[in-house]
């Protein structure tokens, strides 16, 4: 069942070819899955434009499959594409075809699809992201600078879980990611109504027209981007003169990041890229989200020992209020599958050692006493009472999980 709220929705942004910058449009009225700028051709597969540069042979193969009427093969070819940080080989075309069939006929769930698409450790990250401290910090940053924008545009949106939170509350979402498979899973499991685009922002910018007044977010991904200044210029362009640019959980290179990939900067270096932006300790947004209080800005020098940072430009406060900790209307909540009662105490059970390390400070997932254990047990057995739902959702004891999680 689709619980995303429909809102008053302006026309979606226009698309541009990433290599020429010229406007894209359907090649003919009879070929809505093939777009052109009058020079080259770009496929639109399952409603997701594939505008990634540097993939000419793949693009040609996908276009050929579409022209032959073999949509599932076109999807399967794109599901094998990876980003530059992937460490696991992609599935075979035959296995990718089996995933397409399983997802579309309803026999495969999200976690099974990620496993068979060889997501590796990233599968656990996405499967349990709603419980992660970084997810709460994203919601806290958005809420503190919420302007009731006409759209939220998320750069490196993954499988769309942050976008889902804003769309559930009536704001249209645009997701951009370099990996088509993530967007395809977002389309089928998380945000079926989002406007999704596959593009390499670091290589060719955002292939979107300006969305005046939009909030443009990049969370837990900015440190991966080599040309950070160029990406920020693009984010500002899309946000327009009245929009907002938010960068969250940007790793600090002064702090041990347990072997994280990417190109993290120091607080001073980030701040130099974002002059006049408000600067925060990203972890403070976790506490702010849980305790419902604003997070004070800090100077780069004060954040020298912060593991990750967040930035908001312009630095002014929110123009409207929103509470991402309150349950969205009509959305069913289920007990968090990470949690169990062991020896009478509510505690998380980590599926991987990496997740255990990443969530080491997720104190909100642990029960403090017998009353907590009893509260979770009641919610698990018969569902939470209306007055209990906000408390349980805010602490991630209840979650809005995909039906085929």
Protein backbone atom coordinates (compact mmCIF):
# COMPACT_ATOMS: atom_id res chain seq x y z
CA UNK A 1 0.00 0.00 0.00
CA UNK A 2 1.29 3.47 -0.87
CA UNK A 3 1.07 5.83 2.12
CA UNK A 4 2.89 8.80 0.58
CA UNK A 5 0.76 11.91 0.88
CA UNK A 6 -0.02 13.76 -2.30
CA UNK A 7 0.63 17.47 -2.09
CA UNK A 8 0.14 20.47 -4.30
CA UNK A 9 2.87 19.71 -6.80
CA UNK A 10 4.33 22.09 -9.34
CA UNK A 11 5.76 20.82 -12.59
CA UNK A 12 8.91 18.73 -12.04
CA UNK A 13 12.32 20.21 -12.88
CA UNK A 14 13.47 20.13 -16.45
CA UNK A 15 16.23 17.71 -17.42
CA UNK A 16 19.42 18.52 -19.28
CA UNK A 17 21.88 16.27 -21.06
CA UNK A 18 24.90 15.95 -18.75
CA UNK A 19 27.42 16.19 -21.59
CA UNK A 20 25.99 19.12 -23.59
CA UNK A 21 23.78 20.94 -21.09
CA UNK A 22 21.00 21.06 -23.68
CA UNK A 23 17.36 20.38 -22.65
CA UNK A 24 16.20 16.78 -22.93
CA UNK A 25 12.85 15.69 -24.34
CA UNK A 26 11.27 12.41 -25.54
CA UNK A 27 12.68 11.36 -28.91
CA UNK A 28 9.16 10.82 -30.21
CA UNK A 29 5.74 10.70 -28.54
CA UNK A 30 5.81 6.95 -29.07
CA UNK A 31 9.16 6.48 -27.25
CA UNK A 32 8.80 7.95 -23.73
CA UNK A 33 11.71 5.79 -22.54
CA UNK A 34 14.22 7.35 -24.95
CA UNK A 35 15.10 11.04 -24.57
CA UNK A 36 17.33 13.24 -26.66
CA UNK A 37 18.88 16.70 -26.67
CA UNK A 38 18.91 16.68 -30.46
CA UNK A 39 22.43 15.25 -30.45
CA UNK A 40 22.63 12.17 -28.23
CA UNK A 41 20.14 9.76 -26.68
CA UNK A 42 19.53 8.85 -23.03
CA UNK A 43 17.35 6.03 -21.67
CA UNK A 44 14.57 6.50 -19.14
CA UNK A 45 14.02 3.11 -17.50
CA UNK A 46 11.12 2.48 -15.13
CA UNK A 47 10.68 6.25 -15.04
CA UNK A 48 14.31 6.85 -13.98
CA UNK A 49 16.45 8.82 -16.45
CA UNK A 50 19.93 7.29 -16.76
CA UNK A 51 22.16 10.35 -17.22
CA UNK A 52 25.44 8.99 -15.91
CA UNK A 53 28.42 10.05 -18.02
CA UNK A 54 31.38 7.77 -18.72
CA UNK A 55 29.10 4.80 -19.38
CA UNK A 56 28.70 5.04 -23.15
CA UNK A 57 28.81 1.28 -23.85
CA UNK A 58 26.29 0.57 -21.11
CA UNK A 59 24.02 3.36 -22.30
CA UNK A 60 24.13 2.04 -25.87
CA UNK A 61 23.29 -1.50 -24.68
CA UNK A 62 20.36 -0.24 -22.63
CA UNK A 63 19.03 1.81 -25.54
CA UNK A 64 19.33 -1.21 -27.81
CA UNK A 65 17.35 -3.35 -25.35
CA UNK A 66 14.63 -0.69 -25.14
CA UNK A 67 14.43 -0.39 -28.91
CA UNK A 68 13.99 -4.17 -29.08
CA UNK A 69 11.15 -3.97 -26.57
CA UNK A 70 13.12 -5.81 -23.84
CA UNK A 71 12.56 -3.52 -20.85
CA UNK A 72 13.55 -6.12 -18.25
CA UNK A 73 16.92 -6.63 -19.89
CA UNK A 74 17.45 -2.86 -19.91
CA UNK A 75 16.73 -2.79 -16.18
CA UNK A 76 19.02 -5.76 -15.52
CA UNK A 77 21.92 -4.13 -17.37
CA UNK A 78 21.58 -0.97 -15.32
CA UNK A 79 21.26 -2.89 -12.04
CA UNK A 80 24.81 -4.16 -12.58
CA UNK A 81 26.33 -0.67 -12.71
CA UNK A 82 28.39 0.33 -9.66
CA UNK A 83 29.96 3.43 -8.16
CA UNK A 84 33.72 3.89 -7.98
CA UNK A 85 33.90 2.75 -4.34
CA UNK A 86 32.26 -0.65 -4.82
CA UNK A 87 34.36 -3.59 -3.67
CA UNK A 88 32.09 -6.43 -4.72
CA UNK A 89 31.57 -7.69 -8.26
CA UNK A 90 28.08 -7.15 -9.71
CA UNK A 91 25.65 -10.02 -10.29
CA UNK A 92 25.45 -11.70 -13.67
CA UNK A 93 22.91 -10.41 -16.15
CA UNK A 94 20.90 -13.60 -15.58
CA UNK A 95 20.84 -13.03 -11.81
CA UNK A 96 19.89 -9.38 -12.29
CA UNK A 97 17.04 -10.48 -14.57
CA UNK A 98 15.86 -12.86 -11.83
CA UNK A 99 15.87 -9.98 -9.35
CA UNK A 100 13.79 -7.84 -11.71
CA UNK A 101 11.27 -10.65 -12.07
CA UNK A 102 11.17 -11.33 -8.32
CA UNK A 103 10.68 -7.71 -7.32
CA UNK A 104 8.04 -7.06 -9.97
CA UNK A 105 6.03 -10.20 -9.21
CA UNK A 106 6.23 -9.63 -5.46
CA UNK A 107 8.29 -12.66 -4.45
CA UNK A 108 11.43 -10.72 -3.43
CA UNK A 109 11.65 -8.23 -0.59
CA UNK A 110 14.05 -5.31 -0.21
CA UNK A 111 16.75 -7.15 1.75
CA UNK A 112 16.65 -10.16 -0.57
CA UNK A 113 16.95 -7.90 -3.60
CA UNK A 114 19.96 -6.07 -2.14
CA UNK A 115 21.65 -9.35 -1.27
CA UNK A 116 21.16 -10.79 -4.75
CA UNK A 117 22.33 -7.55 -6.33
CA UNK A 118 25.59 -7.95 -4.35
CA UNK A 119 25.28 -4.81 -2.26
CA UNK A 120 27.53 -6.36 0.40
CA UNK A 121 27.87 -4.36 3.65
CA UNK A 122 25.87 -1.52 2.10
CA UNK A 123 22.81 -3.78 2.26
CA UNK A 124 22.87 -3.77 6.08
CA UNK A 125 23.39 -0.01 6.09
CA UNK A 126 20.27 0.55 3.98
CA UNK A 127 18.17 -2.18 5.62
CA UNK A 128 18.63 -0.58 9.04
CA UNK A 129 19.28 3.02 8.10
CA UNK A 130 16.13 4.29 9.80
CA UNK A 131 17.69 3.25 13.11
CA UNK A 132 21.07 4.89 12.48
CA UNK A 133 22.30 7.98 14.33
CA UNK A 134 23.13 9.48 10.93
CA UNK A 135 19.48 9.11 9.91
CA UNK A 136 18.30 10.97 13.01
CA UNK A 137 20.87 13.70 12.39
CA UNK A 138 19.51 14.11 8.84
CA UNK A 139 15.98 14.58 10.18
CA UNK A 140 17.21 16.95 12.87
CA UNK A 141 19.11 19.10 10.36
CA UNK A 142 16.13 19.24 8.00
CA UNK A 143 13.73 20.16 10.81
CA UNK A 144 15.97 22.92 12.20
CA UNK A 145 16.09 24.58 8.78
CA UNK A 146 12.67 23.64 7.42
CA UNK A 147 11.19 26.23 5.07
CA UNK A 148 8.19 24.25 3.75
CA UNK A 149 10.00 24.12 0.38
CA UNK A 150 8.25 23.33 -2.89
CA UNK A 151 10.56 20.32 -3.16
CA UNK A 152 13.38 18.60 -1.34
CA UNK A 153 16.17 17.59 -3.71
CA UNK A 154 18.54 15.01 -2.23
CA UNK A 155 21.97 14.47 -3.75
CA UNK A 156 23.23 10.91 -3.20
CA UNK A 157 19.77 9.87 -2.00
CA UNK A 158 20.51 6.12 -1.85
CA UNK A 159 17.27 4.15 -1.69
CA UNK A 160 15.24 7.21 -0.71
CA UNK A 161 14.65 6.81 3.02
CA UNK A 162 15.17 10.49 3.91
CA UNK A 163 13.05 11.53 0.94
CA UNK A 164 10.29 9.27 2.21
CA UNK A 165 10.11 11.19 5.49
CA UNK A 166 9.47 14.50 3.72
CA UNK A 167 7.11 12.97 1.18
CA UNK A 168 5.03 11.34 3.91
CA UNK A 169 4.46 14.85 5.23
CA UNK A 170 3.37 16.28 1.90
CA UNK A 171 6.54 17.67 0.28
CA UNK A 172 7.51 16.35 -3.16
CA UNK A 173 10.93 14.73 -3.36
CA UNK A 174 13.62 14.59 -6.04
CA UNK A 175 16.37 12.01 -5.60
CA UNK A 176 19.67 11.94 -7.48
CA UNK A 177 22.18 9.12 -7.15
CA UNK A 178 25.02 7.71 -9.21
CA UNK A 179 23.88 4.09 -8.74
CA UNK A 180 20.81 3.12 -10.73
CA UNK A 181 20.13 0.02 -8.59
CA UNK A 182 19.58 2.16 -5.49
CA UNK A 183 17.10 4.36 -7.30
CA UNK A 184 15.30 1.34 -8.74
CA UNK A 185 14.88 -0.11 -5.24
CA UNK A 186 13.68 3.29 -4.06
CA UNK A 187 11.07 3.27 -6.83
CA UNK A 188 9.77 -0.20 -5.94
CA UNK A 189 10.00 -0.21 -2.13
CA UNK A 190 10.43 3.25 -0.59
CA UNK A 191 9.35 6.28 -2.63
CA UNK A 192 7.32 5.16 -5.66
CA UNK A 193 6.14 8.73 -6.34
CA UNK A 194 9.52 10.45 -6.08
CA UNK A 195 11.16 12.01 -9.12
CA UNK A 196 14.42 10.01 -9.43
CA UNK A 197 17.45 10.66 -11.65
CA UNK A 198 20.63 8.62 -12.10
CA UNK A 199 23.55 11.02 -12.58
CA UNK A 200 27.14 11.50 -11.47
CA UNK A 201 26.96 14.87 -9.77
CA UNK A 202 30.69 14.89 -9.10
CA UNK A 203 31.50 14.43 -12.80
CA UNK A 204 28.82 16.44 -14.58
CA UNK A 205 26.78 18.42 -12.06
CA UNK A 206 23.05 18.23 -11.40
CA UNK A 207 21.19 17.78 -14.70
CA UNK A 208 18.16 19.65 -13.33
CA UNK A 209 16.72 23.09 -13.82
CA UNK A 210 16.51 25.44 -10.84
CA UNK A 211 13.72 24.63 -8.38
CA UNK A 212 13.28 28.05 -6.82
CA UNK A 213 12.98 27.81 -3.04
CA UNK A 214 13.93 24.13 -2.84
CA UNK A 215 15.89 22.57 -0.02
CA UNK A 216 18.85 20.75 -1.55
CA UNK A 217 20.38 18.19 0.81
CA UNK A 218 23.47 15.99 0.71
CA UNK A 219 23.79 13.80 3.80
CA UNK A 220 26.43 11.20 4.71
CA UNK A 221 27.90 11.42 1.22
CA UNK A 222 29.49 14.84 0.70
CA UNK A 223 32.91 13.64 1.87
CA UNK A 224 32.94 11.12 -1.00
CA UNK A 225 32.83 13.88 -3.62
CA UNK A 226 36.21 15.04 -4.94
CA UNK A 227 35.01 18.38 -6.40
CA UNK A 228 33.13 19.64 -3.39
CA UNK A 229 33.19 23.27 -4.48
CA UNK A 230 31.66 22.39 -7.85
CA UNK A 231 28.93 20.28 -6.27
CA UNK A 232 28.05 23.08 -3.85
CA UNK A 233 27.72 25.54 -6.73
CA UNK A 234 25.31 23.14 -8.40
CA UNK A 235 23.31 22.65 -5.20
CA UNK A 236 23.02 26.42 -4.80
CA UNK A 237 21.97 26.83 -8.42
CA UNK A 238 19.17 24.28 -8.09
CA UNK A 239 17.99 25.80 -4.77
CA UNK A 240 17.67 29.23 -6.38
CA UNK A 241 17.84 32.60 -4.64
CA UNK A 242 15.31 31.67 -1.96
CA UNK A 243 16.23 28.03 -1.34
CA UNK A 244 18.35 26.28 1.24
CA UNK A 245 21.46 24.09 0.93
CA UNK A 246 22.09 21.52 3.67
CA UNK A 247 25.16 19.32 4.03
CA UNK A 248 25.03 16.72 6.79
CA UNK A 249 27.38 14.19 8.34
CA UNK A 250 30.47 15.37 6.48
CA UNK A 251 33.34 13.41 8.01
CA UNK A 252 36.14 15.33 9.72
CA UNK A 253 39.59 14.29 8.50
CA UNK A 254 41.11 15.11 11.90
CA UNK A 255 39.14 12.27 13.52
CA UNK A 256 39.73 8.54 13.02
CA UNK A 257 37.00 7.39 10.64
CA UNK A 258 37.64 3.61 10.94
CA UNK A 259 38.93 3.34 7.39
CA UNK A 260 36.14 5.33 5.72
CA UNK A 261 36.50 5.96 1.99
CA UNK A 262 36.24 9.34 0.36
CA UNK A 263 37.93 12.70 0.72
CA UNK A 264 37.02 14.18 4.12
CA UNK A 265 38.12 17.72 4.99
CA UNK A 266 38.83 19.55 8.21
CA UNK A 267 36.16 21.80 9.77
CA UNK A 268 38.07 24.86 8.57
CA UNK A 269 38.27 23.52 5.01
CA UNK A 270 34.56 22.74 4.90
CA UNK A 271 33.74 26.17 6.30
CA UNK A 272 35.88 27.84 3.62
CA UNK A 273 33.68 26.16 0.98
CA UNK A 274 30.54 27.34 2.77
CA UNK A 275 31.19 30.91 3.87
CA UNK A 276 28.42 32.37 6.03
CA UNK A 277 26.83 28.95 6.54
CA UNK A 278 25.85 27.76 10.00
CA UNK A 279 28.21 25.00 11.18
CA UNK A 280 27.23 22.22 13.60
CA UNK A 281 28.45 19.06 15.27
CA UNK A 282 26.43 16.46 13.35
CA UNK A 283 26.07 14.25 16.45
CA UNK A 284 24.28 17.08 18.27
CA UNK A 285 21.37 16.70 15.86
CA UNK A 286 20.83 13.15 17.14
CA UNK A 287 20.33 14.45 20.67
CA UNK A 288 18.33 17.39 19.36
CA UNK A 289 16.01 15.05 17.47
CA UNK A 290 15.49 12.77 20.46
CA UNK A 291 15.02 15.57 22.99
CA UNK A 292 13.24 18.01 20.65
CA UNK A 293 15.51 21.00 21.09
CA UNK A 294 17.48 23.13 18.60
CA UNK A 295 21.19 22.62 18.07
CA UNK A 296 23.52 25.60 18.58
CA UNK A 297 25.88 26.55 15.80
CA UNK A 298 29.61 26.37 16.50
CA UNK A 299 32.84 27.66 15.04
CA UNK A 300 35.12 25.35 13.03
CA UNK A 301 37.71 25.55 15.83
CA UNK A 302 35.14 24.33 18.36
CA UNK A 303 34.38 21.35 16.10
CA UNK A 304 37.94 20.19 15.61
CA UNK A 305 37.23 16.93 17.48
CA UNK A 306 33.74 16.29 16.08
CA UNK A 307 33.52 13.08 14.06
CA UNK A 308 31.29 14.71 11.44
CA UNK A 309 29.87 18.12 10.70
CA UNK A 310 26.70 19.63 9.28
CA UNK A 311 26.17 22.94 7.49
CA UNK A 312 23.18 25.08 6.55
CA UNK A 313 23.24 27.89 4.00
CA UNK A 314 21.80 30.39 4.50
CA UNK A 315 22.29 30.17 8.23
CA UNK A 316 18.95 31.61 9.26
CA UNK A 317 16.38 29.61 11.25
CA UNK A 318 13.52 27.59 9.84
CA UNK A 319 10.62 29.51 8.35
CA UNK A 320 8.14 26.77 9.25
CA UNK A 321 7.93 24.00 11.85
CA UNK A 322 7.95 20.27 11.18
CA UNK A 323 8.33 17.27 13.48
CA UNK A 324 9.85 14.21 11.85
CA UNK A 325 9.51 12.37 15.15
CA UNK A 326 5.71 12.49 15.05
CA UNK A 327 4.09 9.61 13.15
CA UNK A 328 2.83 10.59 9.71
CA UNK A 329 -0.95 10.22 9.38
CA UNK A 330 -2.15 6.78 8.34
CA UNK A 331 1.29 5.17 8.26
CA UNK A 332 1.50 1.76 9.98
CA UNK A 333 4.43 1.27 12.35
CA UNK A 334 6.13 -2.02 13.14
CA UNK A 335 8.55 -3.06 15.91
CA UNK A 336 12.18 -2.43 15.00
CA UNK A 337 13.62 -5.81 13.90
CA UNK A 338 16.97 -4.87 15.45
CA UNK A 339 15.48 -4.99 18.95
CA UNK A 340 14.91 -7.97 21.20
CA UNK A 341 14.30 -8.65 24.88
CA UNK A 342 17.24 -10.53 26.36
CA UNK A 343 17.37 -11.44 30.05
CA UNK A 344 14.46 -9.09 30.62
CA UNK A 345 16.24 -6.11 29.04
CA UNK A 346 15.46 -4.44 25.72
CA UNK A 347 18.62 -4.49 23.62
CA UNK A 348 19.67 -4.32 19.97
CA UNK A 349 21.05 -7.37 18.15
CA UNK A 350 23.42 -6.30 15.40
CA UNK A 351 23.40 -8.26 12.12
CA UNK A 352 27.04 -7.37 11.37
CA UNK A 353 30.10 -6.26 13.41
CA UNK A 354 30.33 -3.17 11.21
CA UNK A 355 26.82 -2.11 12.13
CA UNK A 356 27.58 -2.70 15.81
CA UNK A 357 30.58 -0.36 15.57
CA UNK A 358 28.66 2.28 13.62
CA UNK A 359 25.73 2.28 16.06
CA UNK A 360 27.85 2.01 19.21
CA UNK A 361 26.45 5.33 20.48
CA UNK A 362 22.82 4.60 19.59
CA UNK A 363 21.77 4.61 23.24
CA UNK A 364 18.17 5.33 22.24
CA UNK A 365 17.85 1.75 20.97
CA UNK A 366 18.39 0.32 24.46
CA UNK A 367 15.84 0.06 27.24
CA UNK A 368 16.70 1.73 30.54
CA UNK A 369 14.55 -0.36 32.86
CA UNK A 370 11.75 -2.91 33.18
CA UNK A 371 9.14 -0.31 32.23
CA UNK A 372 10.86 0.17 28.86
CA UNK A 373 10.90 -3.56 28.30
CA UNK A 374 7.21 -3.83 29.13
CA UNK A 375 6.34 -0.90 26.84
CA UNK A 376 8.13 -2.48 23.88
CA UNK A 377 6.63 -5.90 24.62
CA UNK A 378 3.10 -4.45 24.65
CA UNK A 379 3.70 -2.60 21.38
CA UNK A 380 5.09 -5.79 19.83
CA UNK A 381 2.12 -7.92 20.89
CA UNK A 382 -0.89 -5.69 20.37
CA UNK A 383 0.38 -2.44 18.82
CA UNK A 384 1.20 0.84 20.48
CA UNK A 385 -1.43 3.11 21.94
CA UNK A 386 -1.80 6.50 20.17
CA UNK A 387 -0.02 8.38 22.97
CA UNK A 388 2.87 5.87 22.91
CA UNK A 389 3.54 6.00 19.17
CA UNK A 390 5.49 9.30 19.08
CA UNK A 391 7.80 8.18 21.89
CA UNK A 392 8.43 4.79 20.32
CA UNK A 393 8.96 6.22 16.84
CA UNK A 394 11.33 8.93 18.00
CA UNK A 395 13.52 6.32 19.72
CA UNK A 396 13.20 4.04 16.67
CA UNK A 397 11.54 1.24 18.64
CA UNK A 398 8.77 1.41 16.05
CA UNK A 399 9.51 2.03 12.38
CA UNK A 400 7.76 2.65 9.10
CA UNK A 401 9.26 -0.31 7.23
CA UNK A 402 8.50 -1.29 3.63
CA UNK A 403 5.79 -3.90 3.41
CA UNK A 404 8.25 -6.26 1.75
CA UNK A 405 11.22 -5.32 3.90
